[in-house]
Amino acid sequence: AGCAECRAFSHSMPPMRPVLAVALVAGSASAVAASKLPLKKSSLGSANEAPLGLSNPPSWPASVLLFEDSDTDIQAKIDAVYATNGGYDPVNNGQFVDSRYALMFKPGTYTVDVPVGYYTQVLGLGDSPDDVVFSGSKGVYCETGSPDFGT
């Protein structure tokens, strides 16, 4: 089911079992914790072999940002995403844009604040929800729409 591009994207994922995925969507927050699901090795290939002849790890599009805690430009990249898809200037900035982003964080501690705008996902990767920690003053938060709830 789904388009060919989506199927190709889903098959390009490396064989890992994410346990925590946090998705914030304008005005609501949801955390999804998945238990370790048994995966059929035959459908994923071996750790050194990409299924369907695709690269492993995949070549992500520019809209997917994968961070390590040693990266030095994390906040600048996050701010650039938010400037496109969030904020109050103009009111509801990013609500009807074509841009979609996934911000993925490898296990570690990140001293950044992650404002989440429209069409933006924030994902912590690891075996445990405690594997990714945001120690910035706000951490991951959502301020999108209008600061005046009457408009």
Protein backbone atom coordinates (compact mmCIF):
# COMPACT_ATOMS: atom_id res chain seq x y z
CA ALA A 1 0.00 0.00 0.00
CA GLY A 2 1.07 3.62 -0.51
CA CYS A 3 3.17 5.27 -3.16
CA ALA A 4 6.33 3.74 -4.58
CA GLU A 5 8.48 6.51 -3.05
CA CYS A 6 7.08 5.80 0.43
CA ARG A 7 7.68 2.08 0.05
CA ALA A 8 11.26 2.70 -1.10
CA PHE A 9 11.81 5.09 1.84
CA SER A 10 10.49 2.57 4.37
CA HIS A 11 12.73 -0.17 2.96
CA SER A 12 15.79 2.10 3.13
CA MET A 13 15.66 2.27 6.93
CA PRO A 14 18.55 0.54 8.69
CA PRO A 15 17.64 -2.52 10.73
CA MET A 16 16.99 -0.98 14.14
CA ARG A 17 14.24 -1.14 16.69
CA PRO A 18 13.30 2.38 17.80
CA VAL A 19 11.69 2.47 21.21
CA LEU A 20 10.79 6.14 21.51
CA ALA A 21 9.44 8.48 18.90
CA VAL A 22 8.22 11.92 19.92
CA ALA A 23 6.09 13.81 17.43
CA LEU A 24 4.89 17.33 18.15
CA VAL A 25 2.32 18.77 15.82
CA ALA A 26 1.16 22.39 16.16
CA GLY A 27 -0.74 22.60 19.39
CA SER A 28 -0.53 18.98 20.48
CA ALA A 29 2.16 16.65 21.70
CA SER A 30 2.25 12.91 21.63
CA ALA A 31 4.86 10.46 22.74
CA VAL A 32 4.77 6.97 21.36
CA ALA A 33 6.72 4.27 23.14
CA ALA A 34 6.86 1.02 21.25
CA SER A 35 7.93 -2.22 22.80
CA LYS A 36 10.70 -4.16 21.11
CA LEU A 37 8.87 -5.83 18.32
CA PRO A 38 10.15 -9.07 16.82
CA LEU A 39 11.31 -8.26 13.31
CA LYS A 40 11.79 -10.84 10.60
CA LYS A 41 15.44 -10.76 9.66
CA SER A 42 14.60 -11.96 6.18
CA SER A 43 12.61 -8.78 5.53
CA LEU A 44 15.35 -6.48 6.81
CA GLY A 45 18.54 -8.11 5.59
CA SER A 46 21.61 -8.55 7.74
CA ALA A 47 23.26 -5.71 9.67
CA ASN A 48 25.82 -5.25 6.88
CA GLU A 49 23.48 -5.79 3.96
CA ALA A 50 20.84 -3.30 2.84
CA PRO A 51 17.50 -4.79 1.81
CA LEU A 52 16.49 -4.39 -1.84
CA GLY A 53 19.98 -3.20 -2.78
CA LEU A 54 19.56 0.20 -1.09
CA SER A 55 22.31 1.91 0.89
CA ASN A 56 22.61 1.24 4.60
CA PRO A 57 22.58 3.70 6.25
CA PRO A 58 20.25 5.45 3.82
CA SER A 59 20.95 8.69 2.02
CA TRP A 60 18.42 10.97 3.71
CA PRO A 61 16.76 13.84 1.84
CA ALA A 62 17.61 17.39 2.98
CA SER A 63 14.37 17.50 4.99
CA VAL A 64 15.61 14.72 7.32
CA LEU A 65 18.22 15.94 9.76
CA LEU A 66 20.15 13.34 11.77
CA PHE A 67 22.07 14.71 14.76
CA GLU A 68 24.81 13.39 17.04
CA ASP A 69 25.50 15.08 20.36
CA SER A 70 29.00 16.03 19.12
CA ASP A 71 27.61 18.11 16.20
CA THR A 72 28.35 21.83 16.60
CA ASP A 73 25.65 23.34 14.38
CA ILE A 74 22.53 21.68 15.79
CA GLN A 75 20.80 24.81 17.13
CA ALA A 76 21.37 26.73 13.88
CA LYS A 77 19.79 23.93 11.82
CA ILE A 78 16.84 23.64 14.21
CA ASP A 79 16.31 27.42 14.10
CA ALA A 80 16.34 27.37 10.29
CA VAL A 81 13.62 24.67 10.24
CA TYR A 82 11.53 26.65 12.73
CA ALA A 83 11.94 29.87 10.71
CA THR A 84 10.26 28.05 7.80
CA ASN A 85 7.60 26.04 9.65
CA GLY A 86 6.85 27.83 12.92
CA GLY A 87 6.67 30.95 14.99
CA TYR A 88 4.40 33.96 15.21
CA ASP A 89 5.89 36.26 12.55
CA PRO A 90 3.74 36.18 10.54
CA VAL A 91 0.92 34.69 12.62
CA ASN A 92 0.66 30.93 11.94
CA ASN A 93 3.98 30.95 10.07
CA GLY A 94 4.43 27.70 8.21
CA GLN A 95 0.85 26.51 8.46
CA PHE A 96 0.37 26.14 4.71
CA VAL A 97 3.93 25.54 3.46
CA ASP A 98 5.11 22.55 1.46
CA SER A 99 8.11 21.87 3.72
CA ARG A 100 8.11 18.78 5.95
CA TYR A 101 10.92 17.98 8.38
CA ALA A 102 12.11 15.11 10.55
CA LEU A 103 14.69 15.95 13.21
CA MET A 104 16.29 12.71 14.41
CA PHE A 105 18.60 12.58 17.41
CA LYS A 106 21.02 9.73 18.03
CA PRO A 107 21.50 8.68 21.67
CA GLY A 108 23.19 11.39 23.73
CA THR A 109 22.61 14.61 25.64
CA TYR A 110 21.72 17.73 23.66
CA THR A 111 22.03 21.22 25.16
CA VAL A 112 19.62 22.73 22.64
CA ASP A 113 16.07 24.00 22.60
CA VAL A 114 13.89 22.50 19.89
CA PRO A 115 10.90 24.66 18.96
CA VAL A 116 8.56 22.54 16.87
CA GLY A 117 6.50 24.13 14.12
CA TYR A 118 3.98 22.80 11.69
CA TYR A 119 4.79 19.56 9.81
CA THR A 120 7.86 18.85 11.95
CA GLN A 121 8.69 15.62 13.76
CA VAL A 122 11.24 15.24 16.53
CA LEU A 123 12.50 11.70 17.04
CA GLY A 124 14.80 10.33 19.72
CA LEU A 125 16.59 7.20 18.54
CA GLY A 126 17.79 4.48 20.86
CA ASP A 127 16.87 1.37 22.79
CA SER A 128 15.42 3.32 25.73
CA PRO A 129 13.53 6.61 26.09
CA ASP A 130 16.39 7.72 28.36
CA ASP A 131 18.92 7.40 25.52
CA VAL A 132 18.17 10.91 24.19
CA VAL A 133 18.16 13.81 26.67
CA PHE A 134 17.44 17.48 25.92
CA SER A 135 19.04 19.67 28.59
CA GLY A 136 18.33 23.11 27.07
CA SER A 137 16.25 25.58 29.09
CA LYS A 138 13.04 24.62 27.20
CA GLY A 139 14.01 21.31 25.60
CA VAL A 140 11.49 20.23 22.97
CA TYR A 141 8.47 22.53 22.90
CA CYS A 142 5.73 23.85 20.64
CA GLU A 143 4.78 27.50 20.21
CA THR A 144 2.98 27.76 16.91
CA GLY A 145 -0.11 29.56 15.77
CA SER A 146 -1.07 32.93 17.20
CA PRO A 147 0.18 34.37 20.49
CA ASP A 148 -3.26 36.00 20.79
CA PHE A 149 -5.74 33.16 21.08
CA GLY A 150 -8.49 35.51 19.86
CA THR A 151 -7.08 35.60 16.32
